[in-house]
Amino acid sequence: MEVAKVVATYGVPVFKVLDWIRKARKIWGGVTGIWRAIRSGPAAAEIGPEAAAVLEGILGYGSIKEHCF
C-alpha cells in the first residue's frame, strides 16, 4: 500500500521504486539499516536524493521527523 501511495505522490514508476528498495537492501541490509542511512545522510549520497526521499516516504521517516524533531 505504501509503495502505491508513494508512486502516486512522487509520480515515480513502480519498477523504479522497487529497484531502489532492492538496491537499498543490498547496501544496508534491511529496514533498520536503511532507516539509519536516511537519518544520518549517506542514503542520498549512495542511491540518490530522489530515491532517498521515496524510501523516506515509504518508511514514514518524514512524518516522524516532522512530529518529533
C-alpha atoms as a PDB file:
ATOM      1  CA  MET A   1       0.000   0.000   0.000  1.00  0.00           C
ATOM      2  CA  GLU A   2       2.770   2.440   0.891  1.00  0.00           C
ATOM      3  CA  VAL A   3       4.545   1.870  -2.422  1.00  0.00           C
ATOM      4  CA  ALA A   4       1.350   2.736  -4.314  1.00  0.00           C
ATOM      5  CA  LYS A   5       0.919   5.876  -2.198  1.00  0.00           C
ATOM      6  CA  VAL A   6       4.498   6.952  -2.907  1.00  0.00           C
ATOM      7  CA  VAL A   7       4.098   6.255  -6.628  1.00  0.00           C
ATOM      8  CA  ALA A   8       1.017   8.468  -6.687  1.00  0.00           C
ATOM      9  CA  THR A   9       2.646  11.205  -4.595  1.00  0.00           C
ATOM     10  CA  TYR A  10       6.001  11.398  -6.382  1.00  0.00           C
ATOM     11  CA  GLY A  11       4.933  10.175  -9.830  1.00  0.00           C
ATOM     12  CA  VAL A  12       7.756   7.631  -9.939  1.00  0.00           C
ATOM     13  CA  PRO A  13       7.236   4.333 -11.796  1.00  0.00           C
ATOM     14  CA  VAL A  14       6.683   1.294  -9.585  1.00  0.00           C
ATOM     15  CA  PHE A  15       9.624  -0.599 -11.089  1.00  0.00           C
ATOM     16  CA  LYS A  16      11.963   2.266 -10.271  1.00  0.00           C
ATOM     17  CA  VAL A  17      10.773   2.293  -6.640  1.00  0.00           C
ATOM     18  CA  LEU A  18      11.213  -1.476  -6.375  1.00  0.00           C
ATOM     19  CA  ASP A  19      14.716  -1.167  -7.836  1.00  0.00           C
ATOM     20  CA  TRP A  20      15.601   1.478  -5.218  1.00  0.00           C
ATOM     21  CA  ILE A  21      14.282  -0.791  -2.457  1.00  0.00           C
ATOM     22  CA  ARG A  22      16.370  -3.707  -3.743  1.00  0.00           C
ATOM     23  CA  LYS A  23      19.465  -1.521  -4.029  1.00  0.00           C
ATOM     24  CA  ALA A  24      18.996  -0.111  -0.514  1.00  0.00           C
ATOM     25  CA  ARG A  25      18.512  -3.600   0.958  1.00  0.00           C
ATOM     26  CA  LYS A  26      21.669  -4.779  -0.779  1.00  0.00           C
ATOM     27  CA  ILE A  27      23.691  -1.848   0.621  1.00  0.00           C
ATOM     28  CA  TRP A  28      22.245  -1.563   4.159  1.00  0.00           C
ATOM     29  CA  GLY A  29      20.742  -4.998   4.754  1.00  0.00           C
ATOM     30  CA  GLY A  30      17.204  -4.189   5.841  1.00  0.00           C
ATOM     31  CA  VAL A  31      14.771  -1.667   7.215  1.00  0.00           C
ATOM     32  CA  THR A  32      16.888  -0.731  10.231  1.00  0.00           C
ATOM     33  CA  GLY A  33      19.961  -0.130   8.105  1.00  0.00           C
ATOM     34  CA  ILE A  34      18.002   1.855   5.522  1.00  0.00           C
ATOM     35  CA  TRP A  35      16.410   3.913   8.305  1.00  0.00           C
ATOM     36  CA  ARG A  36      19.853   4.751   9.760  1.00  0.00           C
ATOM     37  CA  ALA A  37      21.230   5.642   6.315  1.00  0.00           C
ATOM     38  CA  ILE A  38      18.348   8.032   5.666  1.00  0.00           C
ATOM     39  CA  ARG A  39      18.593   9.564   9.128  1.00  0.00           C
ATOM     40  CA  SER A  40      22.355  10.052   9.085  1.00  0.00           C
ATOM     41  CA  GLY A  41      22.659  11.104   5.431  1.00  0.00           C
ATOM     42  CA  PRO A  42      24.549   8.526   3.332  1.00  0.00           C
ATOM     43  CA  ALA A  43      21.361   7.308   1.625  1.00  0.00           C
ATOM     44  CA  ALA A  44      21.087  10.421  -0.546  1.00  0.00           C
ATOM     45  CA  ALA A  45      24.769  10.202  -1.461  1.00  0.00           C
ATOM     46  CA  GLU A  46      24.770   6.490  -2.317  1.00  0.00           C
ATOM     47  CA  ILE A  47      21.404   5.914  -4.005  1.00  0.00           C
ATOM     48  CA  GLY A  48      20.457   9.483  -4.931  1.00  0.00           C
ATOM     49  CA  PRO A  49      18.313  12.158  -3.320  1.00  0.00           C
ATOM     50  CA  GLU A  50      15.117  11.159  -5.163  1.00  0.00           C
ATOM     51  CA  ALA A  51      15.479   7.526  -4.089  1.00  0.00           C
ATOM     52  CA  ALA A  52      16.224   8.564  -0.508  1.00  0.00           C
ATOM     53  CA  ALA A  53      13.135  10.802  -0.460  1.00  0.00           C
ATOM     54  CA  VAL A  54      10.926   7.998  -1.770  1.00  0.00           C
ATOM     55  CA  LEU A  55      12.282   5.479   0.741  1.00  0.00           C
ATOM     56  CA  GLU A  56      11.822   8.090   3.470  1.00  0.00           C
ATOM     57  CA  GLY A  57       8.169   8.340   2.453  1.00  0.00           C
ATOM     58  CA  ILE A  58       7.705   4.572   2.430  1.00  0.00           C
ATOM     59  CA  LEU A  59       9.269   4.177   5.870  1.00  0.00           C
ATOM     60  CA  GLY A  60       7.353   7.147   7.274  1.00  0.00           C
ATOM     61  CA  TYR A  61      10.510   8.953   8.370  1.00  0.00           C
ATOM     62  CA  GLY A  62       9.269  12.323   7.116  1.00  0.00           C
ATOM     63  CA  SER A  63       6.190  12.361   9.325  1.00  0.00           C
ATOM     64  CA  ILE A  64       8.165  11.144  12.325  1.00  0.00           C
ATOM     65  CA  LYS A  65      10.793  13.832  11.744  1.00  0.00           C
ATOM     66  CA  GLU A  66       8.070  16.459  11.398  1.00  0.00           C
ATOM     67  CA  HIS A  67       6.233  15.484  14.581  1.00  0.00           C
ATOM     68  CA  CYS A  68       9.122  14.530  16.844  1.00  0.00           C
ATOM     69  CA  PHE A  69      12.101  16.715  15.993  1.00  0.00           C
END
